[in-house]
Full PDB file with SEQRES, HELIX, SHEET, SSBOND, CRYST1, ORIGX, SCALE, CONECT and MASTER records, all heavy atoms in Angstrom:
SEQRES   1 A   45  THR ASN GLN THR SER GLY ASP GLY LEU TYR ILE HIS THR          
SEQRES   2 A   45  THR VAL ALA THR ALA ASP THR ASP ASN ILE PHE GLU ASN          
SEQRES   3 A   45  LEU LEU ILE LYS ASN ILE LYS GLN ASN GLY ILE GLU ILE          
SEQRES   4 A   45  GLY ALA HIS ASN ALA ASN                                      
SHEET    1 AA1 2 LEU A   9  ILE A  11  0                                        
SHEET    2 AA1 2 ILE A  37  ILE A  39  1                                        
CRYST1    1.000    1.000    1.000  90.00  90.00  90.00 P 1           1          
ORIGX1      1.000000  0.000000  0.000000        0.00000                         
ORIGX2      0.000000  1.000000  0.000000        0.00000                         
ORIGX3      0.000000  0.000000  1.000000        0.00000                         
SCALE1      1.000000  0.000000  0.000000        0.00000                         
SCALE2      0.000000  1.000000  0.000000        0.00000                         
SCALE3      0.000000  0.000000  1.000000        0.00000                         
ATOM      1  N   THR A   1     -20.266 -23.214  -8.874  1.00  0.00           N  
ATOM      2  CA  THR A   1     -21.315 -24.224  -8.765  1.00  0.00           C  
ATOM      3  C   THR A   1     -21.196 -25.048  -7.488  1.00  0.00           C  
ATOM      4  O   THR A   1     -22.139 -25.747  -7.108  1.00  0.00           O  
ATOM      5  CB  THR A   1     -21.292 -25.175  -9.978  1.00  0.00           C  
ATOM      6  OG1 THR A   1     -20.013 -25.800 -10.076  1.00  0.00           O  
ATOM      7  CG2 THR A   1     -21.574 -24.408 -11.269  1.00  0.00           C  
ATOM      8  N   ASN A   2     -20.064 -24.933  -6.819  1.00  0.00           N  
ATOM      9  CA  ASN A   2     -19.848 -25.691  -5.583  1.00  0.00           C  
ATOM     10  C   ASN A   2     -19.652 -24.782  -4.379  1.00  0.00           C  
ATOM     11  O   ASN A   2     -18.991 -25.160  -3.409  1.00  0.00           O  
ATOM     12  CB  ASN A   2     -18.636 -26.611  -5.758  1.00  0.00           C  
ATOM     13  CG  ASN A   2     -18.860 -27.668  -6.809  1.00  0.00           C  
ATOM     14  OD1 ASN A   2     -19.760 -28.491  -6.676  1.00  0.00           O  
ATOM     15  ND2 ASN A   2     -18.071 -27.634  -7.872  1.00  0.00           N  
ATOM     16  N   GLN A   3     -20.242 -23.569  -4.445  1.00  0.00           N  
ATOM     17  CA  GLN A   3     -20.153 -22.599  -3.350  1.00  0.00           C  
ATOM     18  C   GLN A   3     -21.541 -22.032  -3.055  1.00  0.00           C  
ATOM     19  O   GLN A   3     -22.429 -22.041  -3.919  1.00  0.00           O  
ATOM     20  CB  GLN A   3     -19.214 -21.444  -3.712  1.00  0.00           C  
ATOM     21  CG  GLN A   3     -17.889 -21.809  -4.321  1.00  0.00           C  
ATOM     22  CD  GLN A   3     -16.981 -22.586  -3.392  1.00  0.00           C  
ATOM     23  OE1 GLN A   3     -17.092 -22.502  -2.165  1.00  0.00           O  
ATOM     24  NE2 GLN A   3     -16.072 -23.374  -3.960  1.00  0.00           N  
ATOM     25  N   THR A   4     -21.704 -21.493  -1.859  1.00  0.00           N  
ATOM     26  CA  THR A   4     -22.911 -20.729  -1.524  1.00  0.00           C  
ATOM     27  C   THR A   4     -22.609 -19.242  -1.399  1.00  0.00           C  
ATOM     28  O   THR A   4     -23.536 -18.442  -1.278  1.00  0.00           O  
ATOM     29  CB  THR A   4     -23.530 -21.228  -0.210  1.00  0.00           C  
ATOM     30  OG1 THR A   4     -22.573 -21.085   0.856  1.00  0.00           O  
ATOM     31  CG2 THR A   4     -23.935 -22.692  -0.318  1.00  0.00           C  
ATOM     32  N   SER A   5     -21.353 -18.845  -1.421  1.00  0.00           N  
ATOM     33  CA  SER A   5     -20.973 -17.443  -1.302  1.00  0.00           C  
ATOM     34  C   SER A   5     -19.556 -17.268  -1.819  1.00  0.00           C  
ATOM     35  O   SER A   5     -18.856 -18.245  -2.072  1.00  0.00           O  
ATOM     36  CB  SER A   5     -21.056 -16.965   0.159  1.00  0.00           C  
ATOM     37  OG  SER A   5     -20.139 -17.701   0.966  1.00  0.00           O  
ATOM     38  N   GLY A   6     -19.157 -15.997  -1.960  1.00  0.00           N  
ATOM     39  CA  GLY A   6     -17.763 -15.728  -2.284  1.00  0.00           C  
ATOM     40  C   GLY A   6     -17.557 -14.786  -3.451  1.00  0.00           C  
ATOM     41  O   GLY A   6     -18.122 -14.982  -4.524  1.00  0.00           O  
ATOM     42  N   ASP A   7     -16.758 -13.726  -3.220  1.00  0.00           N  
ATOM     43  CA  ASP A   7     -16.292 -12.837  -4.278  1.00  0.00           C  
ATOM     44  C   ASP A   7     -14.962 -13.366  -4.826  1.00  0.00           C  
ATOM     45  O   ASP A   7     -14.310 -14.210  -4.203  1.00  0.00           O  
ATOM     46  CB  ASP A   7     -16.070 -11.418  -3.740  1.00  0.00           C  
ATOM     47  CG  ASP A   7     -17.350 -10.755  -3.264  1.00  0.00           C  
ATOM     48  OD1 ASP A   7     -18.414 -10.995  -3.887  1.00  0.00           O  
ATOM     49  OD2 ASP A   7     -17.303  -9.998  -2.283  1.00  0.00           O  
ATOM     50  N   GLY A   8     -14.557 -12.798  -5.968  1.00  0.00           N  
ATOM     51  CA  GLY A   8     -13.234 -13.115  -6.471  1.00  0.00           C  
ATOM     52  C   GLY A   8     -12.165 -12.338  -5.724  1.00  0.00           C  
ATOM     53  O   GLY A   8     -11.294 -12.913  -5.063  1.00  0.00           O  
ATOM     54  N   LEU A   9     -12.261 -11.011  -5.797  1.00  0.00           N  
ATOM     55  CA  LEU A   9     -11.306 -10.114  -5.158  1.00  0.00           C  
ATOM     56  C   LEU A   9     -12.075  -9.112  -4.313  1.00  0.00           C  
ATOM     57  O   LEU A   9     -13.008  -8.466  -4.798  1.00  0.00           O  
ATOM     58  CB  LEU A   9     -10.481  -9.396  -6.225  1.00  0.00           C  
ATOM     59  CG  LEU A   9      -9.492  -8.324  -5.787  1.00  0.00           C  
ATOM     60  CD1 LEU A   9      -8.421  -8.910  -4.873  1.00  0.00           C  
ATOM     61  CD2 LEU A   9      -8.845  -7.666  -7.009  1.00  0.00           C  
ATOM     62  N   TYR A  10     -11.720  -8.987  -3.040  1.00  0.00           N  
ATOM     63  CA  TYR A  10     -12.393  -8.084  -2.104  1.00  0.00           C  
ATOM     64  C   TYR A  10     -11.382  -7.042  -1.632  1.00  0.00           C  
ATOM     65  O   TYR A  10     -10.298  -7.389  -1.148  1.00  0.00           O  
ATOM     66  CB  TYR A  10     -12.935  -8.872  -0.915  1.00  0.00           C  
ATOM     67  CG  TYR A  10     -13.586  -8.039   0.154  1.00  0.00           C  
ATOM     68  CD1 TYR A  10     -14.858  -7.502  -0.033  1.00  0.00           C  
ATOM     69  CD2 TYR A  10     -12.950  -7.797   1.368  1.00  0.00           C  
ATOM     70  CE1 TYR A  10     -15.469  -6.741   0.953  1.00  0.00           C  
ATOM     71  CE2 TYR A  10     -13.551  -7.051   2.366  1.00  0.00           C  
ATOM     72  CZ  TYR A  10     -14.804  -6.522   2.161  1.00  0.00           C  
ATOM     73  OH  TYR A  10     -15.404  -5.764   3.137  1.00  0.00           O  
ATOM     74  N   ILE A  11     -11.737  -5.747  -1.770  1.00  0.00           N  
ATOM     75  CA  ILE A  11     -10.824  -4.654  -1.413  1.00  0.00           C  
ATOM     76  C   ILE A  11     -11.525  -3.720  -0.449  1.00  0.00           C  
ATOM     77  O   ILE A  11     -12.521  -3.070  -0.805  1.00  0.00           O  
ATOM     78  CB  ILE A  11     -10.387  -3.863  -2.666  1.00  0.00           C  
ATOM     79  CG1 ILE A  11      -9.811  -4.800  -3.729  1.00  0.00           C  
ATOM     80  CG2 ILE A  11      -9.365  -2.779  -2.282  1.00  0.00           C  
ATOM     81  CD1 ILE A  11      -9.671  -4.144  -5.090  1.00  0.00           C  
ATOM     82  N   HIS A  12     -11.068  -3.657   0.778  1.00  0.00           N  
ATOM     83  CA  HIS A  12     -11.683  -2.761   1.760  1.00  0.00           C  
ATOM     84  C   HIS A  12     -10.682  -2.450   2.866  1.00  0.00           C  
ATOM     85  O   HIS A  12     -10.532  -3.201   3.824  1.00  0.00           O  
ATOM     86  CB  HIS A  12     -12.947  -3.385   2.359  1.00  0.00           C  
ATOM     87  CG  HIS A  12     -13.758  -2.406   3.149  1.00  0.00           C  
ATOM     88  ND1 HIS A  12     -14.938  -2.763   3.763  1.00  0.00           N  
ATOM     89  CD2 HIS A  12     -13.579  -1.091   3.419  1.00  0.00           C  
ATOM     90  CE1 HIS A  12     -15.461  -1.721   4.372  1.00  0.00           C  
ATOM     91  NE2 HIS A  12     -14.632  -0.690   4.189  1.00  0.00           N  
ATOM     92  N   THR A  13      -9.964  -1.342   2.731  1.00  0.00           N  
ATOM     93  CA  THR A  13      -9.119  -0.864   3.815  1.00  0.00           C  
ATOM     94  C   THR A  13      -9.894   0.201   4.582  1.00  0.00           C  
ATOM     95  O   THR A  13     -10.899   0.720   4.110  1.00  0.00           O  
ATOM     96  CB  THR A  13      -7.791  -0.310   3.283  1.00  0.00           C  
ATOM     97  OG1 THR A  13      -8.060   0.699   2.320  1.00  0.00           O  
ATOM     98  CG2 THR A  13      -6.993  -1.415   2.617  1.00  0.00           C  
ATOM     99  N   THR A  14      -9.438   0.540   5.776  1.00  0.00           N  
ATOM    100  CA  THR A  14     -10.309   1.242   6.714  1.00  0.00           C  
ATOM    101  C   THR A  14     -10.026   2.732   6.877  1.00  0.00           C  
ATOM    102  O   THR A  14     -10.611   3.367   7.739  1.00  0.00           O  
ATOM    103  CB  THR A  14     -10.237   0.580   8.095  1.00  0.00           C  
ATOM    104  OG1 THR A  14      -8.872   0.546   8.537  1.00  0.00           O  
ATOM    105  CG2 THR A  14     -10.768  -0.846   8.042  1.00  0.00           C  
ATOM    106  N   VAL A  15      -9.152   3.298   6.083  1.00  0.00           N  
ATOM    107  CA  VAL A  15      -8.902   4.734   6.173  1.00  0.00           C  
ATOM    108  C   VAL A  15      -9.495   5.412   4.947  1.00  0.00           C  
ATOM    109  O   VAL A  15      -9.155   5.087   3.817  1.00  0.00           O  
ATOM    110  CB  VAL A  15      -7.404   5.043   6.283  1.00  0.00           C  
ATOM    111  CG1 VAL A  15      -7.163   6.544   6.287  1.00  0.00           C  
ATOM    112  CG2 VAL A  15      -6.842   4.424   7.555  1.00  0.00           C  
ATOM    113  N   ALA A  16     -10.401   6.339   5.158  1.00  0.00           N  
ATOM    114  CA  ALA A  16     -11.075   7.013   4.042  1.00  0.00           C  
ATOM    115  C   ALA A  16     -10.136   8.006   3.353  1.00  0.00           C  
ATOM    116  O   ALA A  16      -9.183   8.507   3.946  1.00  0.00           O  
ATOM    117  CB  ALA A  16     -12.317   7.737   4.539  1.00  0.00           C  
ATOM    118  N   THR A  17     -10.438   8.293   2.107  1.00  0.00           N  
ATOM    119  CA  THR A  17      -9.729   9.278   1.277  1.00  0.00           C  
ATOM    120  C   THR A  17      -8.226   9.019   1.233  1.00  0.00           C  
ATOM    121  O   THR A  17      -7.425   9.950   1.286  1.00  0.00           O  
ATOM    122  CB  THR A  17     -10.017  10.715   1.734  1.00  0.00           C  
ATOM    123  OG1 THR A  17      -9.511  10.905   3.063  1.00  0.00           O  
ATOM    124  CG2 THR A  17     -11.507  11.010   1.703  1.00  0.00           C  
ATOM    125  N   ALA A  18      -7.854   7.758   1.178  1.00  0.00           N  
ATOM    126  CA  ALA A  18      -6.434   7.409   1.129  1.00  0.00           C  
ATOM    127  C   ALA A  18      -6.054   7.034  -0.294  1.00  0.00           C  
ATOM    128  O   ALA A  18      -6.743   6.268  -0.943  1.00  0.00           O  
ATOM    129  CB  ALA A  18      -6.136   6.250   2.073  1.00  0.00           C  
ATOM    130  N   ASP A  19      -4.954   7.555  -0.789  1.00  0.00           N  
ATOM    131  CA  ASP A  19      -4.425   7.144  -2.096  1.00  0.00           C  
ATOM    132  C   ASP A  19      -3.598   5.879  -1.892  1.00  0.00           C  
ATOM    133  O   ASP A  19      -2.425   5.930  -1.553  1.00  0.00           O  
ATOM    134  CB  ASP A  19      -3.568   8.255  -2.700  1.00  0.00           C  
ATOM    135  CG  ASP A  19      -4.393   9.421  -3.184  1.00  0.00           C  
ATOM    136  OD1 ASP A  19      -5.599   9.220  -3.413  1.00  0.00           O  
ATOM    137  OD2 ASP A  19      -3.847  10.514  -3.318  1.00  0.00           O  
ATOM    138  N   THR A  20      -4.251   4.757  -2.102  1.00  0.00           N  
ATOM    139  CA  THR A  20      -3.601   3.486  -1.785  1.00  0.00           C  
ATOM    140  C   THR A  20      -2.642   3.019  -2.869  1.00  0.00           C  
ATOM    141  O   THR A  20      -1.783   2.174  -2.611  1.00  0.00           O  
ATOM    142  CB  THR A  20      -4.654   2.398  -1.532  1.00  0.00           C  
ATOM    143  OG1 THR A  20      -5.589   2.412  -2.609  1.00  0.00           O  
ATOM    144  CG2 THR A  20      -5.393   2.645  -0.242  1.00  0.00           C  
ATOM    145  N   ASP A  21      -2.812   3.531  -4.102  1.00  0.00           N  
ATOM    146  CA  ASP A  21      -1.872   3.201  -5.185  1.00  0.00           C  
ATOM    147  C   ASP A  21      -1.768   1.706  -5.432  1.00  0.00           C  
ATOM    148  O   ASP A  21      -0.699   1.187  -5.769  1.00  0.00           O  
ATOM    149  CB  ASP A  21      -0.479   3.779  -4.889  1.00  0.00           C  
ATOM    150  CG  ASP A  21      -0.492   5.297  -4.816  1.00  0.00           C  
ATOM    151  OD1 ASP A  21      -1.138   5.921  -5.667  1.00  0.00           O  
ATOM    152  OD2 ASP A  21       0.132   5.847  -3.896  1.00  0.00           O  
ATOM    153  N   ASN A  22      -2.873   0.995  -5.284  1.00  0.00           N  
ATOM    154  CA  ASN A  22      -2.874  -0.436  -5.586  1.00  0.00           C  
ATOM    155  C   ASN A  22      -2.987  -0.651  -7.094  1.00  0.00           C  
ATOM    156  O   ASN A  22      -3.676   0.103  -7.788  1.00  0.00           O  
ATOM    157  CB  ASN A  22      -4.037  -1.134  -4.885  1.00  0.00           C  
ATOM    158  CG  ASN A  22      -3.914  -1.089  -3.370  1.00  0.00           C  
ATOM    159  OD1 ASN A  22      -2.810  -1.076  -2.827  1.00  0.00           O  
ATOM    160  ND2 ASN A  22      -5.035  -1.069  -2.685  1.00  0.00           N  
ATOM    161  N   ILE A  23      -2.336  -1.692  -7.591  1.00  0.00           N  
ATOM    162  CA  ILE A  23      -2.325  -2.002  -9.024  1.00  0.00           C  
ATOM    163  C   ILE A  23      -2.787  -3.436  -9.225  1.00  0.00           C  
ATOM    164  O   ILE A  23      -2.279  -4.366  -8.589  1.00  0.00           O  
ATOM    165  CB  ILE A  23      -0.921  -1.810  -9.623  1.00  0.00           C  
ATOM    166  CG1 ILE A  23      -0.492  -0.341  -9.514  1.00  0.00           C  
ATOM    167  CG2 ILE A  23      -0.878  -2.285 -11.076  1.00  0.00           C  
ATOM    168  CD1 ILE A  23       0.937  -0.088  -9.960  1.00  0.00           C  
ATOM    169  N   PHE A  24      -3.756  -3.601 -10.133  1.00  0.00           N  
ATOM    170  CA  PHE A  24      -4.272  -4.919 -10.483  1.00  0.00           C  
ATOM    171  C   PHE A  24      -4.201  -5.047 -11.994  1.00  0.00           C  
ATOM    172  O   PHE A  24      -4.860  -4.287 -12.709  1.00  0.00           O  
ATOM    173  CB  PHE A  24      -5.714  -5.069  -9.998  1.00  0.00           C  
ATOM    174  CG  PHE A  24      -5.894  -4.716  -8.541  1.00  0.00           C  
ATOM    175  CD1 PHE A  24      -6.274  -3.427  -8.170  1.00  0.00           C  
ATOM    176  CD2 PHE A  24      -5.649  -5.645  -7.557  1.00  0.00           C  
ATOM    177  CE1 PHE A  24      -6.411  -3.089  -6.837  1.00  0.00           C  
ATOM    178  CE2 PHE A  24      -5.788  -5.319  -6.216  1.00  0.00           C  
ATOM    179  CZ  PHE A  24      -6.171  -4.032  -5.854  1.00  0.00           C  
ATOM    180  N   GLU A  25      -3.418  -5.984 -12.487  1.00  0.00           N  
ATOM    181  CA  GLU A  25      -3.260  -6.055 -13.934  1.00  0.00           C  
ATOM    182  C   GLU A  25      -3.058  -7.489 -14.404  1.00  0.00           C  
ATOM    183  O   GLU A  25      -2.540  -8.343 -13.693  1.00  0.00           O  
ATOM    184  CB  GLU A  25      -2.093  -5.184 -14.408  1.00  0.00           C  
ATOM    185  CG  GLU A  25      -0.748  -5.494 -13.821  1.00  0.00           C  
ATOM    186  CD  GLU A  25       0.318  -4.493 -14.264  1.00  0.00           C  
ATOM    187  OE1 GLU A  25       0.045  -3.704 -15.186  1.00  0.00           O  
ATOM    188  OE2 GLU A  25       1.408  -4.528 -13.702  1.00  0.00           O  
ATOM    189  N   ASN A  26      -3.547  -7.720 -15.635  1.00  0.00           N  
ATOM    190  CA  ASN A  26      -3.420  -9.021 -16.292  1.00  0.00           C  
ATOM    191  C   ASN A  26      -4.034 -10.127 -15.441  1.00  0.00           C  
ATOM    192  O   ASN A  26      -3.384 -11.119 -15.086  1.00  0.00           O  
ATOM    193  CB  ASN A  26      -1.948  -9.333 -16.596  1.00  0.00           C  
ATOM    194  CG  ASN A  26      -1.283  -8.263 -17.436  1.00  0.00           C  
ATOM    195  OD1 ASN A  26      -1.922  -7.615 -18.266  1.00  0.00           O  
ATOM    196  ND2 ASN A  26       0.011  -8.056 -17.213  1.00  0.00           N  
ATOM    197  N   LEU A  27      -5.320  -9.935 -15.130  1.00  0.00           N  
ATOM    198  CA  LEU A  27      -6.035 -10.900 -14.301  1.00  0.00           C  
ATOM    199  C   LEU A  27      -7.239 -11.467 -15.045  1.00  0.00           C  
ATOM    200  O   LEU A  27      -7.932 -10.746 -15.768  1.00  0.00           O  
ATOM    201  CB  LEU A  27      -6.535 -10.237 -13.010  1.00  0.00           C  
ATOM    202  CG  LEU A  27      -5.511  -9.558 -12.100  1.00  0.00           C  
ATOM    203  CD1 LEU A  27      -6.210  -8.925 -10.910  1.00  0.00           C  
ATOM    204  CD2 LEU A  27      -4.447 -10.550 -11.640  1.00  0.00           C  
ATOM    205  N   LEU A  28      -7.488 -12.736 -14.852  1.00  0.00           N  
ATOM    206  CA  LEU A  28      -8.711 -13.394 -15.275  1.00  0.00           C  
ATOM    207  C   LEU A  28      -9.453 -13.805 -14.017  1.00  0.00           C  
ATOM    208  O   LEU A  28      -8.921 -14.548 -13.186  1.00  0.00           O  
ATOM    209  CB  LEU A  28      -8.407 -14.622 -16.136  1.00  0.00           C  
ATOM    210  CG  LEU A  28      -9.587 -15.550 -16.459  1.00  0.00           C  
ATOM    211  CD1 LEU A  28     -10.653 -14.815 -17.265  1.00  0.00           C  
ATOM    212  CD2 LEU A  28      -9.110 -16.798 -17.197  1.00  0.00           C  
ATOM    213  N   ILE A  29     -10.693 -13.313 -13.871  1.00  0.00           N  
ATOM    214  CA  ILE A  29     -11.520 -13.637 -12.705  1.00  0.00           C  
ATOM    215  C   ILE A  29     -12.794 -14.284 -13.228  1.00  0.00           C  
ATOM    216  O   ILE A  29     -13.562 -13.647 -13.955  1.00  0.00           O  
ATOM    217  CB  ILE A  29     -11.827 -12.372 -11.883  1.00  0.00           C  
ATOM    218  CG1 ILE A  29     -10.524 -11.720 -11.400  1.00  0.00           C  
ATOM    219  CG2 ILE A  29     -12.732 -12.703 -10.697  1.00  0.00           C  
ATOM    220  CD1 ILE A  29     -10.713 -10.384 -10.707  1.00  0.00           C  
ATOM    221  N   LYS A  30     -13.036 -15.546 -12.872  1.00  0.00           N  
ATOM    222  CA  LYS A  30     -14.124 -16.280 -13.510  1.00  0.00           C  
ATOM    223  C   LYS A  30     -14.827 -17.207 -12.520  1.00  0.00           C  
ATOM    224  O   LYS A  30     -14.292 -17.553 -11.462  1.00  0.00           O  
ATOM    225  CB  LYS A  30     -13.587 -17.092 -14.682  1.00  0.00           C  
ATOM    226  CG  LYS A  30     -12.602 -18.193 -14.299  1.00  0.00           C  
ATOM    227  CD  LYS A  30     -12.138 -18.968 -15.532  1.00  0.00           C  
ATOM    228  CE  LYS A  30     -11.190 -20.100 -15.167  1.00  0.00           C  
ATOM    229  NZ  LYS A  30     -10.789 -20.897 -16.350  1.00  0.00           N  
ATOM    230  N   ASN A  31     -16.059 -17.573 -12.901  1.00  0.00           N  
ATOM    231  CA  ASN A  31     -16.833 -18.561 -12.150  1.00  0.00           C  
ATOM    232  C   ASN A  31     -16.987 -18.169 -10.683  1.00  0.00           C  
ATOM    233  O   ASN A  31     -16.717 -18.966  -9.773  1.00  0.00           O  
ATOM    234  CB  ASN A  31     -16.196 -19.952 -12.260  1.00  0.00           C  
ATOM    235  CG  ASN A  31     -16.049 -20.426 -13.677  1.00  0.00           C  
ATOM    236  OD1 ASN A  31     -16.868 -20.109 -14.532  1.00  0.00           O  
ATOM    237  ND2 ASN A  31     -14.993 -21.190 -13.958  1.00  0.00           N  
ATOM    238  N   ILE A  32     -17.467 -16.936 -10.465  1.00  0.00           N  
ATOM    239  CA  ILE A  32     -17.550 -16.377  -9.117  1.00  0.00           C  
ATOM    240  C   ILE A  32     -18.994 -16.429  -8.626  1.00  0.00           C  
ATOM    241  O   ILE A  32     -19.912 -16.019  -9.338  1.00  0.00           O  
ATOM    242  CB  ILE A  32     -17.027 -14.935  -9.093  1.00  0.00           C  
ATOM    243  CG1 ILE A  32     -15.606 -14.872  -9.688  1.00  0.00           C  
ATOM    244  CG2 ILE A  32     -17.070 -14.375  -7.686  1.00  0.00           C  
ATOM    245  CD1 ILE A  32     -14.570 -15.696  -8.963  1.00  0.00           C  
ATOM    246  N   LYS A  33     -19.211 -16.877  -7.397  1.00  0.00           N  
ATOM    247  CA  LYS A  33     -20.557 -17.012  -6.856  1.00  0.00           C  
ATOM    248  C   LYS A  33     -21.213 -15.660  -6.624  1.00  0.00           C  
ATOM    249  O   LYS A  33     -22.427 -15.520  -6.798  1.00  0.00           O  
ATOM    250  CB  LYS A  33     -20.516 -17.812  -5.549  1.00  0.00           C  
ATOM    251  CG  LYS A  33     -21.890 -18.175  -5.020  1.00  0.00           C  
ATOM    252  CD  LYS A  33     -22.623 -19.102  -5.981  1.00  0.00           C  
ATOM    253  CE  LYS A  33     -23.991 -19.523  -5.474  1.00  0.00           C  
ATOM    254  NZ  LYS A  33     -24.698 -20.401  -6.432  1.00  0.00           N  
ATOM    255  N   GLN A  34     -20.438 -14.657  -6.217  1.00  0.00           N  
ATOM    256  CA  GLN A  34     -20.984 -13.320  -6.010  1.00  0.00           C  
ATOM    257  C   GLN A  34     -20.313 -12.344  -6.980  1.00  0.00           C  
ATOM    258  O   GLN A  34     -20.411 -12.518  -8.185  1.00  0.00           O  
ATOM    259  CB  GLN A  34     -20.842 -12.925  -4.534  1.00  0.00           C  
ATOM    260  CG  GLN A  34     -21.740 -13.785  -3.633  1.00  0.00           C  
ATOM    261  CD  GLN A  34     -21.561 -13.491  -2.159  1.00  0.00           C  
ATOM    262  OE1 GLN A  34     -20.626 -13.956  -1.518  1.00  0.00           O  
ATOM    263  NE2 GLN A  34     -22.475 -12.713  -1.604  1.00  0.00           N  
ATOM    264  N   ASN A  35     -19.645 -11.308  -6.486  1.00  0.00           N  
ATOM    265  CA  ASN A  35     -19.044 -10.297  -7.353  1.00  0.00           C  
ATOM    266  C   ASN A  35     -17.618 -10.683  -7.757  1.00  0.00           C  
ATOM    267  O   ASN A  35     -16.844 -11.176  -6.940  1.00  0.00           O  
ATOM    268  CB  ASN A  35     -19.013  -8.947  -6.642  1.00  0.00           C  
ATOM    269  CG  ASN A  35     -20.403  -8.466  -6.275  1.00  0.00           C  
ATOM    270  OD1 ASN A  35     -21.304  -8.455  -7.113  1.00  0.00           O  
ATOM    271  ND2 ASN A  35     -20.599  -8.074  -5.022  1.00  0.00           N  
ATOM    272  N   GLY A  36     -17.285 -10.387  -9.013  1.00  0.00           N  
ATOM    273  CA  GLY A  36     -15.917 -10.635  -9.450  1.00  0.00           C  
ATOM    274  C   GLY A  36     -14.927  -9.802  -8.649  1.00  0.00           C  
ATOM    275  O   GLY A  36     -13.964 -10.323  -8.081  1.00  0.00           O  
ATOM    276  N   ILE A  37     -15.169  -8.484  -8.608  1.00  0.00           N  
ATOM    277  CA  ILE A  37     -14.401  -7.564  -7.756  1.00  0.00           C  
ATOM    278  C   ILE A  37     -15.381  -6.821  -6.879  1.00  0.00           C  
ATOM    279  O   ILE A  37     -16.358  -6.244  -7.374  1.00  0.00           O  
ATOM    280  CB  ILE A  37     -13.577  -6.570  -8.584  1.00  0.00           C  
ATOM    281  CG1 ILE A  37     -12.493  -7.302  -9.386  1.00  0.00           C  
ATOM    282  CG2 ILE A  37     -12.949  -5.514  -7.686  1.00  0.00           C  
ATOM    283  CD1 ILE A  37     -11.686  -6.388 -10.283  1.00  0.00           C  
ATOM    284  N   GLU A  38     -15.154  -6.806  -5.587  1.00  0.00           N  
ATOM    285  CA  GLU A  38     -15.998  -6.110  -4.625  1.00  0.00           C  
ATOM    286  C   GLU A  38     -15.165  -5.037  -3.928  1.00  0.00           C  
ATOM    287  O   GLU A  38     -14.173  -5.341  -3.258  1.00  0.00           O  
ATOM    288  CB  GLU A  38     -16.539  -7.091  -3.585  1.00  0.00           C  
ATOM    289  CG  GLU A  38     -17.143  -6.453  -2.348  1.00  0.00           C  
ATOM    290  CD  GLU A  38     -18.610  -6.078  -2.504  1.00  0.00           C  
ATOM    291  OE1 GLU A  38     -19.289  -6.698  -3.344  1.00  0.00           O  
ATOM    292  OE2 GLU A  38     -19.072  -5.175  -1.791  1.00  0.00           O  
ATOM    293  N   ILE A  39     -15.552  -3.763  -4.123  1.00  0.00           N  
ATOM    294  CA  ILE A  39     -14.929  -2.660  -3.384  1.00  0.00           C  
ATOM    295  C   ILE A  39     -15.761  -2.409  -2.137  1.00  0.00           C  
ATOM    296  O   ILE A  39     -16.991  -2.335  -2.206  1.00  0.00           O  
ATOM    297  CB  ILE A  39     -14.877  -1.379  -4.239  1.00  0.00           C  
ATOM    298  CG1 ILE A  39     -14.272  -1.653  -5.625  1.00  0.00           C  
ATOM    299  CG2 ILE A  39     -14.106  -0.288  -3.501  1.00  0.00           C  
ATOM    300  CD1 ILE A  39     -12.830  -2.020  -5.629  1.00  0.00           C  
ATOM    301  N   GLY A  40     -15.142  -2.267  -0.992  1.00  0.00           N  
ATOM    302  CA  GLY A  40     -15.887  -2.068   0.242  1.00  0.00           C  
ATOM    303  C   GLY A  40     -16.668  -0.759   0.240  1.00  0.00           C  
ATOM    304  O   GLY A  40     -16.177   0.283  -0.191  1.00  0.00           O  
ATOM    305  N   ALA A  41     -17.901  -0.805   0.718  1.00  0.00           N  
ATOM    306  CA  ALA A  41     -18.745   0.388   0.791  1.00  0.00           C  
ATOM    307  C   ALA A  41     -18.131   1.423   1.727  1.00  0.00           C  
ATOM    308  O   ALA A  41     -17.542   1.090   2.751  1.00  0.00           O  
ATOM    309  CB  ALA A  41     -20.138   0.011   1.277  1.00  0.00           C  
ATOM    310  N   HIS A  42     -18.261   2.704   1.360  1.00  0.00           N  
ATOM    311  CA  HIS A  42     -17.728   3.831   2.143  1.00  0.00           C  
ATOM    312  C   HIS A  42     -16.225   3.693   2.360  1.00  0.00           C  
ATOM    313  O   HIS A  42     -15.664   4.163   3.342  1.00  0.00           O  
ATOM    314  CB  HIS A  42     -18.465   3.964   3.478  1.00  0.00           C  
ATOM    315  CG  HIS A  42     -19.939   4.121   3.330  1.00  0.00           C  
ATOM    316  ND1 HIS A  42     -20.514   5.270   2.854  1.00  0.00           N  
ATOM    317  CD2 HIS A  42     -20.958   3.261   3.549  1.00  0.00           C  
ATOM    318  CE1 HIS A  42     -21.835   5.108   2.806  1.00  0.00           C  
ATOM    319  NE2 HIS A  42     -22.126   3.903   3.205  1.00  0.00           N  
ATOM    320  N   ASN A  43     -15.586   3.035   1.409  1.00  0.00           N  
ATOM    321  CA  ASN A  43     -14.150   2.816   1.455  1.00  0.00           C  
ATOM    322  C   ASN A  43     -13.401   4.120   1.171  1.00  0.00           C  
ATOM    323  O   ASN A  43     -12.502   4.513   1.892  1.00  0.00           O  
ATOM    324  CB  ASN A  43     -13.798   1.760   0.403  1.00  0.00           C  
ATOM    325  CG  ASN A  43     -12.571   0.958   0.737  1.00  0.00           C  
ATOM    326  OD1 ASN A  43     -12.141   0.929   1.865  1.00  0.00           O  
ATOM    327  ND2 ASN A  43     -12.014   0.313  -0.251  1.00  0.00           N  
ATOM    328  N   ALA A  44     -13.842   4.795   0.090  1.00  0.00           N  
ATOM    329  CA  ALA A  44     -13.263   6.076  -0.327  1.00  0.00           C  
ATOM    330  C   ALA A  44     -11.755   6.007  -0.521  1.00  0.00           C  
ATOM    331  O   ALA A  44     -11.044   6.974  -0.276  1.00  0.00           O  
ATOM    332  CB  ALA A  44     -13.630   7.190   0.658  1.00  0.00           C  
ATOM    333  N   ASN A  45     -11.254   4.850  -0.915  1.00  0.00           N  
ATOM    334  CA  ASN A  45      -9.840   4.739  -1.255  1.00  0.00           C  
ATOM    335  C   ASN A  45      -9.642   5.082  -2.714  1.00  0.00           C  
ATOM    336  O   ASN A  45     -10.489   4.791  -3.559  1.00  0.00           O  
ATOM    337  CB  ASN A  45      -9.325   3.332  -0.967  1.00  0.00           C  
ATOM    338  CG  ASN A  45      -9.019   3.125   0.492  1.00  0.00           C  
ATOM    339  OD1 ASN A  45      -8.226   3.839   1.075  1.00  0.00           O  
ATOM    340  ND2 ASN A  45      -9.665   2.164   1.109  1.00  0.00           N  
TER     341      ASN A  45                                                      
MASTER        0    0    0    0    2    0    0    6  340    1    0    4          
END                                                                             
């Protein structure tokens, strides 16, 4: 309510088709102005 923009978590690394093996667990994401989790377009991770 006090923002004009903003995701909760943004994930976008720049190498395509990479097995990044990132782990996200036991998270509460709330009250987000835009997307709760945003994966970068054409990321292919």
